[in-house]
Amino acid sequence: MKKFIYILLVLVIFGSIITGALLFQHFYPEINIPFCGSAFENACIAVNQSDYSELFGIPLAGFGLFFYIFITFILLISNYAKGVYYRFTLAFLIPLSIASVGIDIALFIILIKLGKFCSLCITTYLINIIILITTYLWYKNLREKENLTLIKLFKTFITDESKSPHKKAAYSSFILLSILLFFAVVSTVHIMKVKTNDAKMTKAAIQSYVKKFYSSKIENIDFPESKLILGNKDAKLTIVAYTDFLCTYCYRFYAMEKYLLSKFKNQIRIVHYNFPLDKACNASVTDSLYPNSCVAAKAMMSAAELGILNYYIIEHFKQYNNYKHRYNLANAIENFDQIVKKYNIQNISKETFMAKMNSPEIEAAIKFQVKIAGSLEVNGTPTVFLSNRKLLGAVPKEILEILIKKELERIPN
């Protein structure tokens, strides 16, 4: 019996790790999980942030995590108590594993509808199939040894023996601990939701916002060239974002970018322009809200010039919480060193990167972008332009997603 329990324990522990990672990514999409694509074309992020990612306000990954921890719990009890508890465990596992595979079939159909290949999601589906197969083999082994039919197995719960005082106490403890486990998972999800301010907009609020956007004036804008481009450079639709790369809301916008570029793969590009809220290079601000954001702007511009923007921006925002209010030149160079080591970049030296940062061309380009921002009445970040209409502040993900869909529909193929 133990070999089946150990196989199942390995599977559910692996499943717990994957669903835990997916749950974390649901609330922190800026975190890049390996094996799911690049940071800006990550299928797991697209699925994890889609309209199908929650049920009753709880992420599906949360239900998956509860499922795996619950099975771990009953397997450990069975391994410790032995005897009749092997039967109890099987009686739980058979319907649970069948139900999980049935649910996974429905979820796989949703993946097909979304057109996204979430490798981690599919890995959990495979784990659940293997759990079902292992459970069946365990039952088959028990049936051959004890002539145990399914009917006899499920009758284990209602036999006279199971009504003995110590069995009743065991059942009560089991039910209580199961409820507490579910409460713990739900509470964790709620805390993460509150911490990340993951509040959904009402349908009426979304409609009002969209209506207001399309009633706003179309600006007569001729944006200058920028190499700060994320996504497909030849995409049909361009989103323009004036950014301070140390700004808190720009950090949140970065998380949204990862989702949008994954969802609308090759259909959109996001072009950044600098508007550092730092009077060292932006005379329009009276106080440096984010000191040294001019340095961050130079670093991003240099990375773009050298063709390593994607790598650099990922590393920058990965370290964001460590230095958002104490960023300096050393951080910019440290980020460069990290990506050189991580991505084995051999054709660009630190000296070349620093020379680019200190070049008059980079400084002039930032000043020019700030000047253009002034003519467009940009006074905060992020300021987003979509089809020459301005969206102020941190635009909610569901709003920008709807507007992008509408704009893509307007563009002929």
Protein backbone atom coordinates (compact mmCIF):
# COMPACT_ATOMS: atom_id res chain seq x y z
CA MET A 1 0.00 0.00 0.00
CA LYS A 2 2.77 2.37 0.91
CA LYS A 3 4.22 2.50 -2.59
CA PHE A 4 0.92 3.94 -3.87
CA ILE A 5 0.81 6.45 -1.04
CA TYR A 6 4.38 7.59 -1.71
CA ILE A 7 3.73 7.97 -5.45
CA LEU A 8 0.60 10.00 -4.73
CA LEU A 9 2.43 12.14 -2.16
CA VAL A 10 5.11 13.04 -4.71
CA LEU A 11 2.41 13.97 -7.25
CA VAL A 12 0.35 16.13 -4.89
CA ILE A 13 3.42 17.91 -3.52
CA PHE A 14 4.49 18.73 -7.07
CA GLY A 15 0.91 19.87 -7.83
CA SER A 16 0.90 22.04 -4.69
CA ILE A 17 4.09 23.80 -5.78
CA ILE A 18 2.71 24.53 -9.25
CA THR A 19 -0.72 25.74 -8.09
CA GLY A 20 0.92 27.78 -5.33
CA ALA A 21 3.11 29.48 -7.93
CA LEU A 22 0.09 30.13 -10.18
CA LEU A 23 -1.87 31.53 -7.23
CA PHE A 24 0.99 33.87 -6.38
CA GLN A 25 1.25 34.95 -10.01
CA HIS A 26 -2.48 35.67 -10.12
CA PHE A 27 -1.94 38.49 -7.61
CA TYR A 28 1.59 39.39 -8.66
CA PRO A 29 1.68 39.08 -12.46
CA GLU A 30 4.97 40.95 -12.56
CA ILE A 31 6.56 37.75 -11.24
CA ASN A 32 7.77 35.63 -14.13
CA ILE A 33 7.38 31.86 -13.67
CA PRO A 34 9.77 29.72 -15.75
CA PHE A 35 8.54 27.31 -18.44
CA CYS A 36 5.62 29.53 -19.47
CA GLY A 37 7.20 31.75 -22.11
CA SER A 38 9.10 35.00 -21.98
CA ALA A 39 8.13 37.77 -19.60
CA PHE A 40 6.23 39.74 -22.23
CA GLU A 41 4.66 36.76 -23.99
CA ASN A 42 3.78 34.60 -21.01
CA ALA A 43 0.76 32.33 -21.58
CA CYS A 44 0.42 31.58 -17.85
CA ILE A 45 -0.01 35.29 -17.10
CA ALA A 46 -2.61 35.65 -19.86
CA VAL A 47 -4.63 32.69 -18.54
CA ASN A 48 -4.06 33.62 -14.90
CA GLN A 49 -5.45 37.13 -15.45
CA SER A 50 -8.32 36.20 -17.78
CA ASP A 51 -12.04 36.35 -17.00
CA TYR A 52 -11.97 32.58 -16.44
CA SER A 53 -9.29 32.68 -13.75
CA GLU A 54 -11.68 32.98 -10.79
CA LEU A 55 -14.77 31.23 -9.45
CA PHE A 56 -16.85 32.90 -6.72
CA GLY A 57 -14.04 35.45 -6.35
CA ILE A 58 -11.44 32.76 -5.61
CA PRO A 59 -8.68 32.06 -8.17
CA LEU A 60 -8.92 28.58 -9.68
CA ALA A 61 -5.33 28.05 -8.58
CA GLY A 62 -6.58 28.49 -4.99
CA PHE A 63 -9.06 25.64 -5.43
CA GLY A 64 -6.27 23.55 -6.96
CA LEU A 65 -3.98 24.29 -4.02
CA PHE A 66 -6.71 23.23 -1.56
CA PHE A 67 -7.28 20.03 -3.56
CA TYR A 68 -3.62 19.01 -3.40
CA ILE A 69 -3.14 19.94 0.27
CA PHE A 70 -6.36 18.10 1.16
CA ILE A 71 -5.15 14.93 -0.56
CA THR A 72 -1.76 15.29 1.14
CA PHE A 73 -3.57 15.50 4.46
CA ILE A 74 -5.60 12.29 3.98
CA LEU A 75 -2.62 10.40 2.54
CA LEU A 76 -0.48 11.21 5.58
CA ILE A 77 -3.27 10.09 7.91
CA SER A 78 -3.63 6.85 5.96
CA ASN A 79 0.12 6.22 6.02
CA TYR A 80 0.22 6.77 9.79
CA ALA A 81 -3.00 4.98 10.84
CA LYS A 82 -2.88 2.12 8.30
CA GLY A 83 -5.46 -0.69 8.48
CA VAL A 84 -9.01 0.31 7.54
CA TYR A 85 -7.83 3.89 6.86
CA TYR A 86 -6.36 2.70 3.55
CA ARG A 87 -9.94 2.00 2.49
CA PHE A 88 -11.15 5.37 3.77
CA THR A 89 -8.45 7.12 1.74
CA LEU A 90 -9.35 5.21 -1.41
CA ALA A 91 -13.04 5.95 -0.90
CA PHE A 92 -12.14 9.65 -0.88
CA LEU A 93 -9.59 9.55 -3.67
CA ILE A 94 -11.66 7.71 -6.29
CA PRO A 95 -14.48 10.32 -6.61
CA LEU A 96 -12.06 13.22 -6.02
CA SER A 97 -9.63 12.14 -8.75
CA ILE A 98 -12.48 11.44 -11.22
CA ALA A 99 -14.02 14.85 -10.50
CA SER A 100 -10.64 16.62 -10.86
CA VAL A 101 -10.03 15.08 -14.29
CA GLY A 102 -13.58 16.06 -15.36
CA ILE A 103 -12.96 19.64 -14.25
CA ASP A 104 -9.59 19.66 -16.03
CA ILE A 105 -11.29 18.67 -19.29
CA ALA A 106 -13.54 21.74 -18.94
CA LEU A 107 -10.51 23.93 -18.14
CA PHE A 108 -8.61 22.56 -21.14
CA ILE A 109 -11.54 23.56 -23.36
CA ILE A 110 -11.27 27.08 -21.89
CA LEU A 111 -7.54 27.13 -22.75
CA ILE A 112 -8.45 26.25 -26.34
CA LYS A 113 -11.03 29.06 -26.35
CA LEU A 114 -8.45 31.52 -25.03
CA GLY A 115 -5.90 30.26 -27.55
CA LYS A 116 -3.19 30.12 -24.86
CA PHE A 117 -0.87 27.23 -24.05
CA CYS A 118 -0.33 27.49 -20.30
CA SER A 119 2.29 24.79 -19.75
CA LEU A 120 1.96 24.88 -15.96
CA CYS A 121 -1.83 24.54 -16.16
CA ILE A 122 -1.49 21.57 -18.49
CA THR A 123 1.11 20.04 -16.15
CA THR A 124 -1.47 20.04 -13.34
CA TYR A 125 -3.95 18.33 -15.67
CA LEU A 126 -1.38 15.61 -16.35
CA ILE A 127 -0.68 15.27 -12.63
CA ASN A 128 -4.39 14.77 -11.97
CA ILE A 129 -4.61 12.10 -14.69
CA ILE A 130 -1.64 10.26 -13.13
CA ILE A 131 -3.30 10.59 -9.70
CA LEU A 132 -6.45 8.98 -11.13
CA ILE A 133 -4.44 6.15 -12.74
CA THR A 134 -2.44 5.54 -9.53
CA THR A 135 -5.64 5.53 -7.47
CA TYR A 136 -7.17 2.97 -9.82
CA LEU A 137 -4.08 0.74 -9.61
CA TRP A 138 -4.18 1.00 -5.81
CA TYR A 139 -7.84 0.00 -5.79
CA LYS A 140 -7.13 -2.86 -8.22
CA ASN A 141 -4.35 -4.10 -5.94
CA LEU A 142 -6.64 -3.94 -2.89
CA ARG A 143 -9.47 -5.65 -4.78
CA GLU A 144 -7.25 -8.58 -5.71
CA LYS A 145 -5.95 -8.96 -2.16
CA GLU A 146 -9.23 -8.48 -0.26
CA ASN A 147 -11.88 -9.16 -2.92
CA LEU A 148 -13.01 -5.57 -2.36
CA THR A 149 -15.64 -4.23 -4.77
CA LEU A 150 -16.46 -0.53 -5.10
CA ILE A 151 -19.73 -1.07 -3.29
CA LYS A 152 -17.95 -2.72 -0.36
CA LEU A 153 -15.37 0.06 -0.37
CA PHE A 154 -17.92 2.83 -0.01
CA LYS A 155 -19.89 0.82 2.56
CA THR A 156 -16.84 1.17 4.79
CA PHE A 157 -18.24 4.53 5.89
CA ILE A 158 -21.58 3.17 7.01
CA THR A 159 -20.69 -0.12 8.69
CA ASP A 160 -21.34 -0.64 12.36
CA GLU A 161 -17.62 -0.59 13.02
CA SER A 162 -17.38 2.89 11.59
CA LYS A 163 -19.98 4.06 14.14
CA SER A 164 -17.80 3.21 17.12
CA PRO A 165 -16.87 6.14 19.40
CA HIS A 166 -13.25 6.34 18.31
CA LYS A 167 -14.28 6.25 14.62
CA LYS A 168 -16.81 9.03 15.22
CA ALA A 169 -14.10 11.10 16.86
CA ALA A 170 -11.82 10.45 13.89
CA TYR A 171 -14.54 11.48 11.42
CA SER A 172 -15.32 14.64 13.39
CA SER A 173 -11.65 15.61 13.54
CA PHE A 174 -11.28 14.93 9.84
CA ILE A 175 -14.27 17.11 8.92
CA LEU A 176 -13.14 19.90 11.26
CA LEU A 177 -9.59 19.91 9.91
CA SER A 178 -10.90 19.89 6.32
CA ILE A 179 -13.04 22.95 7.04
CA LEU A 180 -10.12 24.71 8.73
CA LEU A 181 -7.87 23.89 5.77
CA PHE A 182 -10.36 25.36 3.30
CA PHE A 183 -10.79 28.42 5.55
CA ALA A 184 -7.00 28.85 5.65
CA VAL A 185 -6.72 28.78 1.85
CA VAL A 186 -9.66 31.17 1.39
CA SER A 187 -8.28 33.54 4.06
CA THR A 188 -4.87 33.54 2.38
CA VAL A 189 -6.49 34.38 -0.96
CA HIS A 190 -8.50 37.19 0.65
CA ILE A 191 -5.41 38.67 2.32
CA MET A 192 -3.49 38.59 -0.98
CA LYS A 193 -6.45 40.18 -2.76
CA VAL A 194 -6.68 43.01 -0.22
CA LYS A 195 -2.91 43.50 -0.21
CA THR A 196 -2.78 43.84 -3.99
CA ASN A 197 -6.00 45.90 -4.21
CA ASP A 198 -7.44 43.38 -6.65
CA ALA A 199 -10.90 44.89 -6.79
CA LYS A 200 -13.03 44.25 -9.87
CA MET A 201 -14.86 47.14 -11.49
CA THR A 202 -18.61 46.87 -11.87
CA LYS A 203 -20.09 46.47 -15.34
CA ALA A 204 -21.72 49.91 -15.07
CA ALA A 205 -18.41 51.54 -14.10
CA ILE A 206 -16.65 49.91 -17.07
CA GLN A 207 -19.35 51.06 -19.50
CA SER A 208 -19.19 54.59 -18.09
CA TYR A 209 -15.40 54.70 -18.47
CA VAL A 210 -15.49 53.40 -22.04
CA LYS A 211 -18.20 55.90 -22.98
CA LYS A 212 -16.20 58.74 -21.45
CA PHE A 213 -13.08 57.65 -23.31
CA TYR A 214 -14.78 57.71 -26.71
CA SER A 215 -16.38 61.07 -25.98
CA SER A 216 -12.95 62.62 -25.23
CA LYS A 217 -11.19 64.61 -27.93
CA ILE A 218 -8.77 63.03 -30.37
CA GLU A 219 -5.39 64.71 -29.97
CA ASN A 220 -3.43 65.83 -32.99
CA ILE A 221 -0.22 64.06 -32.02
CA ASP A 222 2.89 63.25 -33.98
CA PHE A 223 4.93 61.22 -31.52
CA PRO A 224 8.69 61.23 -32.09
CA GLU A 225 10.59 58.00 -32.65
CA SER A 226 11.30 55.94 -29.55
CA LYS A 227 13.28 52.74 -29.16
CA LEU A 228 11.56 51.97 -25.85
CA ILE A 229 9.25 49.45 -27.55
CA LEU A 230 7.75 46.34 -25.98
CA GLY A 231 5.95 43.78 -28.11
CA ASN A 232 5.81 43.34 -31.86
CA LYS A 233 7.37 46.40 -33.53
CA ASP A 234 5.11 45.87 -36.57
CA ALA A 235 1.91 45.40 -34.56
CA LYS A 236 -1.40 46.80 -35.82
CA LEU A 237 -2.11 48.83 -32.69
CA THR A 238 0.24 51.13 -30.77
CA ILE A 239 -0.18 52.10 -27.12
CA VAL A 240 1.88 55.06 -25.99
CA ALA A 241 2.91 55.40 -22.34
CA TYR A 242 4.70 58.33 -20.71
CA THR A 243 6.61 56.71 -17.87
CA ASP A 244 8.77 57.28 -14.84
CA PHE A 245 10.56 53.97 -14.33
CA LEU A 246 10.62 54.46 -10.54
CA CYS A 247 6.95 55.42 -10.29
CA THR A 248 4.76 53.07 -8.21
CA TYR A 249 1.86 53.23 -10.66
CA CYS A 250 4.25 52.63 -13.55
CA TYR A 251 5.38 49.48 -11.74
CA ARG A 252 1.73 48.36 -11.66
CA PHE A 253 1.40 49.31 -15.32
CA TYR A 254 4.38 47.06 -16.06
CA ALA A 255 2.44 44.12 -14.58
CA MET A 256 -0.48 45.00 -16.85
CA GLU A 257 1.84 45.23 -19.86
CA LYS A 258 2.95 41.65 -19.32
CA TYR A 259 -0.67 40.50 -19.36
CA LEU A 260 -1.70 42.58 -22.38
CA LEU A 261 1.34 41.62 -24.46
CA SER A 262 0.69 37.96 -23.64
CA LYS A 263 -3.03 38.16 -24.42
CA PHE A 264 -2.75 40.23 -27.60
CA LYS A 265 0.43 38.57 -28.81
CA ASN A 266 1.84 40.26 -31.96
CA GLN A 267 -1.26 42.49 -32.25
CA ILE A 268 -0.11 45.37 -30.05
CA ARG A 269 3.07 47.19 -29.19
CA ILE A 270 3.66 49.50 -26.24
CA VAL A 271 5.92 52.46 -26.91
CA HIS A 272 7.37 54.22 -23.88
CA TYR A 273 8.46 57.83 -23.59
CA ASN A 274 10.28 59.26 -20.61
CA PHE A 275 8.70 61.68 -18.17
CA PRO A 276 10.88 61.35 -15.05
CA LEU A 277 9.35 63.00 -12.00
CA ASP A 278 12.82 64.23 -11.13
CA LYS A 279 13.79 67.88 -11.53
CA ALA A 280 17.34 66.85 -12.47
CA CYS A 281 16.12 66.41 -16.06
CA ASN A 282 12.50 67.59 -15.91
CA ALA A 283 12.13 71.31 -15.23
CA SER A 284 8.33 71.05 -15.19
CA VAL A 285 8.31 69.35 -11.77
CA THR A 286 8.85 71.46 -8.67
CA ASP A 287 10.02 68.57 -6.50
CA SER A 288 11.76 65.27 -7.25
CA LEU A 289 9.06 62.76 -6.39
CA TYR A 290 11.32 59.90 -7.48
CA PRO A 291 14.97 61.00 -7.10
CA ASN A 292 17.34 59.63 -9.73
CA SER A 293 14.51 58.60 -12.06
CA CYS A 294 16.50 60.55 -14.66
CA VAL A 295 19.26 57.97 -14.14
CA ALA A 296 16.71 55.17 -14.59
CA ALA A 297 15.51 56.84 -17.81
CA LYS A 298 19.08 56.98 -19.15
CA ALA A 299 19.61 53.33 -18.26
CA MET A 300 16.44 52.29 -20.13
CA MET A 301 17.35 54.40 -23.15
CA SER A 302 20.85 52.89 -23.21
CA ALA A 303 19.46 49.36 -22.93
CA ALA A 304 17.11 50.09 -25.83
CA GLU A 305 19.92 51.50 -27.95
CA LEU A 306 21.98 48.36 -27.30
CA GLY A 307 19.07 46.02 -28.07
CA ILE A 308 18.64 44.60 -24.56
CA LEU A 309 15.59 46.56 -23.38
CA ASN A 310 13.39 43.51 -22.72
CA TYR A 311 16.02 41.90 -20.51
CA TYR A 312 16.83 45.13 -18.76
CA ILE A 313 13.29 46.23 -17.95
CA ILE A 314 12.47 42.78 -16.54
CA GLU A 315 15.49 42.87 -14.22
CA HIS A 316 14.77 46.49 -13.27
CA PHE A 317 11.21 45.82 -12.13
CA LYS A 318 12.22 42.54 -10.52
CA GLN A 319 14.37 44.61 -8.14
CA TYR A 320 11.91 47.52 -7.95
CA ASN A 321 10.74 47.05 -4.36
CA ASN A 322 14.34 47.01 -3.15
CA TYR A 323 15.28 50.44 -4.44
CA LYS A 324 12.25 52.44 -5.59
CA HIS A 325 13.11 55.34 -3.21
CA ARG A 326 16.90 54.86 -3.12
CA TYR A 327 17.78 54.17 -6.73
CA ASN A 328 21.16 55.30 -8.01
CA LEU A 329 23.72 54.72 -10.75
CA ALA A 330 25.08 51.64 -8.97
CA ASN A 331 21.65 49.99 -9.29
CA ALA A 332 21.55 50.71 -13.01
CA ILE A 333 24.98 49.10 -13.50
CA GLU A 334 24.09 46.19 -11.19
CA ASN A 335 21.01 45.45 -13.33
CA PHE A 336 23.21 45.42 -16.43
CA ASP A 337 25.66 43.01 -14.76
CA GLN A 338 22.79 40.72 -13.77
CA ILE A 339 21.37 40.39 -17.28
CA VAL A 340 24.84 39.91 -18.81
CA LYS A 341 25.35 36.98 -16.43
CA LYS A 342 21.80 35.59 -16.70
CA TYR A 343 21.46 35.79 -20.50
CA ASN A 344 25.14 35.27 -21.34
CA ILE A 345 25.46 38.56 -23.23
CA GLN A 346 29.03 38.73 -24.48
CA ASN A 347 29.03 41.43 -27.14
CA ILE A 348 28.23 44.39 -24.87
CA SER A 349 30.61 45.57 -22.15
CA LYS A 350 29.81 47.53 -19.00
CA GLU A 351 31.93 50.38 -20.36
CA THR A 352 29.80 50.50 -23.53
CA PHE A 353 26.62 50.61 -21.47
CA MET A 354 27.92 53.41 -19.23
CA ALA A 355 29.21 55.37 -22.24
CA LYS A 356 25.73 55.20 -23.77
CA MET A 357 24.14 56.38 -20.51
CA ASN A 358 26.47 59.37 -20.35
CA SER A 359 26.19 60.27 -24.03
CA PRO A 360 24.81 63.69 -25.00
CA GLU A 361 22.43 61.95 -27.45
CA ILE A 362 20.66 60.08 -24.63
CA GLU A 363 20.40 63.21 -22.50
CA ALA A 364 19.06 65.23 -25.45
CA ALA A 365 16.50 62.51 -26.31
CA ILE A 366 15.13 62.50 -22.74
CA LYS A 367 14.86 66.30 -22.68
CA PHE A 368 13.07 66.23 -26.03
CA GLN A 369 10.59 63.61 -24.80
CA VAL A 370 9.92 65.68 -21.67
CA LYS A 371 9.35 68.75 -23.86
CA ILE A 372 6.82 66.88 -26.04
CA ALA A 373 5.10 65.66 -22.86
CA GLY A 374 4.66 69.28 -21.80
CA SER A 375 2.92 70.16 -25.08
CA LEU A 376 0.56 67.21 -24.49
CA GLU A 377 -0.19 68.41 -20.93
CA VAL A 378 1.34 65.30 -19.38
CA ASN A 379 1.84 65.98 -15.68
CA GLY A 380 1.85 62.53 -14.13
CA THR A 381 2.79 58.95 -14.84
CA PRO A 382 1.77 56.72 -16.35
CA THR A 383 -0.07 58.77 -18.96
CA VAL A 384 -1.33 56.48 -21.69
CA PHE A 385 -2.45 57.38 -25.22
CA LEU A 386 -4.55 54.96 -27.24
CA SER A 387 -5.51 55.95 -30.79
CA ASN A 388 -4.51 59.54 -29.91
CA ARG A 389 -6.88 59.67 -26.94
CA LYS A 390 -5.45 60.25 -23.47
CA LEU A 391 -6.04 57.95 -20.50
CA LEU A 392 -4.90 59.38 -17.20
CA GLY A 393 -3.35 57.49 -14.31
CA ALA A 394 -3.23 53.76 -13.72
CA VAL A 395 -5.96 52.56 -16.07
CA PRO A 396 -7.65 49.35 -14.79
CA LYS A 397 -6.69 46.22 -16.71
CA GLU A 398 -10.26 45.35 -17.69
CA ILE A 399 -10.77 48.85 -19.13
CA LEU A 400 -7.64 48.83 -21.25
CA GLU A 401 -8.39 45.30 -22.43
CA ILE A 402 -11.86 46.31 -23.66
CA LEU A 403 -10.52 49.43 -25.38
CA ILE A 404 -7.77 47.45 -27.11
CA LYS A 405 -10.32 44.92 -28.39
CA LYS A 406 -12.48 47.73 -29.77
CA GLU A 407 -9.55 49.44 -31.44
CA LEU A 408 -8.30 46.19 -33.00
CA GLU A 409 -11.76 45.60 -34.45
CA ARG A 410 -11.61 49.01 -36.11
CA ILE A 411 -8.31 48.27 -37.84
CA PRO A 412 -8.72 46.38 -41.14
CA ASN A 413 -6.76 43.13 -41.44
